[in-house]
Amino acid sequence: TVIVYLILQRGEPGYKKGTAQTTPFISGNPEPGKEMVHVRASNLYWGYLDALKGYYDLVVPAHTGVVNDYVLWYLGVTAALMIVVVVFI
């Protein structure tokens, strides 16, 4: 709490909460509504998903959402890694 207090003391004393100081500055333009500036993940990652489409076509069907499947995959990969480590190292 002492560190927080020291950081707080270094803050700007002229800051006033709830005034125009709290609004974002977008080159003098008013802030648009949240629905106007929201970028959906499908638009944000379209290039990434398109570049790895072949990989995702193979991997997505394996993701069933069942925890038992994930535990089985985890145990299988761990066992395979243990075998590789024991045999080659």
C-alpha atoms as a PDB file:
ATOM      1  CA  THR A   1       0.000   0.000   0.000  1.00  0.00           C
ATOM      2  CA  VAL A   2       2.968   2.312   0.544  1.00  0.00           C
ATOM      3  CA  ILE A   3       4.075   1.816  -3.063  1.00  0.00           C
ATOM      4  CA  VAL A   4       0.563   2.577  -4.320  1.00  0.00           C
ATOM      5  CA  TYR A   5       0.461   5.745  -2.220  1.00  0.00           C
ATOM      6  CA  LEU A   6       3.835   6.885  -3.602  1.00  0.00           C
ATOM      7  CA  ILE A   7       2.689   6.287  -7.179  1.00  0.00           C
ATOM      8  CA  LEU A   8      -0.545   8.160  -6.446  1.00  0.00           C
ATOM      9  CA  GLN A   9       1.419  11.140  -5.138  1.00  0.00           C
ATOM     10  CA  ARG A  10       3.360  11.317  -8.437  1.00  0.00           C
ATOM     11  CA  GLY A  11       0.092  11.679 -10.384  1.00  0.00           C
ATOM     12  CA  GLU A  12      -1.163  14.841 -12.058  1.00  0.00           C
ATOM     13  CA  PRO A  13      -2.747  17.051  -9.372  1.00  0.00           C
ATOM     14  CA  GLY A  14      -4.908  18.975 -11.875  1.00  0.00           C
ATOM     15  CA  TYR A  15      -6.799  15.883 -13.062  1.00  0.00           C
ATOM     16  CA  LYS A  16     -10.560  16.184 -12.597  1.00  0.00           C
ATOM     17  CA  LYS A  17     -12.655  13.036 -12.893  1.00  0.00           C
ATOM     18  CA  GLY A  18     -15.967  13.376 -14.773  1.00  0.00           C
ATOM     19  CA  THR A  19     -14.858  16.334 -16.931  1.00  0.00           C
ATOM     20  CA  ALA A  20     -13.686  16.632 -20.529  1.00  0.00           C
ATOM     21  CA  GLN A  21     -10.287  15.390 -19.339  1.00  0.00           C
ATOM     22  CA  THR A  22     -11.638  11.849 -19.138  1.00  0.00           C
ATOM     23  CA  THR A  23     -12.855  11.673 -22.759  1.00  0.00           C
ATOM     24  CA  PRO A  24     -10.470  10.284 -25.395  1.00  0.00           C
ATOM     25  CA  PHE A  25      -8.845  12.755 -27.770  1.00  0.00           C
ATOM     26  CA  ILE A  26      -9.342  11.631 -31.357  1.00  0.00           C
ATOM     27  CA  SER A  27      -7.767  14.566 -33.218  1.00  0.00           C
ATOM     28  CA  GLY A  28     -10.554  16.851 -32.048  1.00  0.00           C
ATOM     29  CA  ASN A  29     -13.319  14.640 -33.441  1.00  0.00           C
ATOM     30  CA  PRO A  30     -16.122  13.431 -31.188  1.00  0.00           C
ATOM     31  CA  GLU A  31     -15.925   9.839 -29.995  1.00  0.00           C
ATOM     32  CA  PRO A  32     -18.126   7.570 -32.155  1.00  0.00           C
ATOM     33  CA  GLY A  33     -20.471   5.060 -30.575  1.00  0.00           C
ATOM     34  CA  LYS A  34     -19.019   1.754 -29.389  1.00  0.00           C
ATOM     35  CA  GLU A  35     -21.008  -0.209 -31.988  1.00  0.00           C
ATOM     36  CA  MET A  36     -19.442   1.910 -34.745  1.00  0.00           C
ATOM     37  CA  VAL A  37     -15.817   1.230 -33.792  1.00  0.00           C
ATOM     38  CA  HIS A  38     -16.060  -2.371 -32.577  1.00  0.00           C
ATOM     39  CA  VAL A  39     -13.945  -4.691 -34.734  1.00  0.00           C
ATOM     40  CA  ARG A  40     -15.135  -8.290 -34.714  1.00  0.00           C
ATOM     41  CA  ALA A  41     -12.570 -11.068 -34.335  1.00  0.00           C
ATOM     42  CA  SER A  42     -13.554 -12.579 -37.679  1.00  0.00           C
ATOM     43  CA  ASN A  43     -12.525  -9.322 -39.368  1.00  0.00           C
ATOM     44  CA  LEU A  44      -9.469  -8.774 -37.216  1.00  0.00           C
ATOM     45  CA  TYR A  45      -7.912 -12.197 -37.842  1.00  0.00           C
ATOM     46  CA  TRP A  46      -9.120 -12.908 -41.373  1.00  0.00           C
ATOM     47  CA  GLY A  47      -5.596 -12.957 -42.860  1.00  0.00           C
ATOM     48  CA  TYR A  48      -4.271 -15.210 -40.128  1.00  0.00           C
ATOM     49  CA  LEU A  49      -7.177 -17.637 -40.487  1.00  0.00           C
ATOM     50  CA  ASP A  50      -6.973 -17.594 -44.278  1.00  0.00           C
ATOM     51  CA  ALA A  51      -3.226 -18.308 -44.259  1.00  0.00           C
ATOM     52  CA  LEU A  52      -3.685 -21.275 -41.904  1.00  0.00           C
ATOM     53  CA  LYS A  53      -6.914 -22.564 -43.454  1.00  0.00           C
ATOM     54  CA  GLY A  54      -5.400 -25.959 -44.296  1.00  0.00           C
ATOM     55  CA  TYR A  55      -4.269 -26.425 -40.699  1.00  0.00           C
ATOM     56  CA  TYR A  56      -7.596 -25.342 -39.227  1.00  0.00           C
ATOM     57  CA  ASP A  57      -9.528 -27.642 -41.577  1.00  0.00           C
ATOM     58  CA  LEU A  58      -7.660 -30.575 -40.001  1.00  0.00           C
ATOM     59  CA  VAL A  59      -7.616 -29.411 -36.379  1.00  0.00           C
ATOM     60  CA  VAL A  60     -11.086 -27.920 -35.811  1.00  0.00           C
ATOM     61  CA  PRO A  61     -12.968 -31.245 -36.094  1.00  0.00           C
ATOM     62  CA  ALA A  62     -10.716 -32.705 -33.366  1.00  0.00           C
ATOM     63  CA  HIS A  63     -11.953 -30.075 -30.889  1.00  0.00           C
ATOM     64  CA  THR A  64     -15.124 -31.655 -29.568  1.00  0.00           C
ATOM     65  CA  GLY A  65     -15.427 -29.601 -26.394  1.00  0.00           C
ATOM     66  CA  VAL A  66     -15.519 -32.734 -24.232  1.00  0.00           C
ATOM     67  CA  VAL A  67     -13.027 -32.537 -21.354  1.00  0.00           C
ATOM     68  CA  ASN A  68     -12.324 -36.274 -21.531  1.00  0.00           C
ATOM     69  CA  ASP A  69     -11.015 -35.871 -25.074  1.00  0.00           C
ATOM     70  CA  TYR A  70      -8.662 -33.081 -24.025  1.00  0.00           C
ATOM     71  CA  VAL A  71      -7.346 -35.112 -21.083  1.00  0.00           C
ATOM     72  CA  LEU A  72      -6.771 -38.088 -23.392  1.00  0.00           C
ATOM     73  CA  TRP A  73      -4.857 -35.888 -25.857  1.00  0.00           C
ATOM     74  CA  TYR A  74      -2.814 -34.404 -22.997  1.00  0.00           C
ATOM     75  CA  LEU A  75      -1.906 -37.833 -21.635  1.00  0.00           C
ATOM     76  CA  GLY A  76      -1.091 -39.154 -25.105  1.00  0.00           C
ATOM     77  CA  VAL A  77       1.186 -36.241 -25.995  1.00  0.00           C
ATOM     78  CA  THR A  78       2.852 -36.398 -22.571  1.00  0.00           C
ATOM     79  CA  ALA A  79       3.471 -40.142 -22.972  1.00  0.00           C
ATOM     80  CA  ALA A  80       4.912 -39.612 -26.452  1.00  0.00           C
ATOM     81  CA  LEU A  81       7.236 -36.886 -25.165  1.00  0.00           C
ATOM     82  CA  MET A  82       8.355 -39.075 -22.287  1.00  0.00           C
ATOM     83  CA  ILE A  83       9.174 -41.901 -24.708  1.00  0.00           C
ATOM     84  CA  VAL A  84      11.157 -39.529 -26.942  1.00  0.00           C
ATOM     85  CA  VAL A  85      13.067 -38.145 -23.955  1.00  0.00           C
ATOM     86  CA  VAL A  86      13.871 -41.600 -22.554  1.00  0.00           C
ATOM     87  CA  VAL A  87      14.882 -43.111 -25.903  1.00  0.00           C
ATOM     88  CA  PHE A  88      16.893 -40.224 -27.368  1.00  0.00           C
ATOM     89  CA  ILE A  89      18.351 -38.502 -24.329  1.00  0.00           C
END
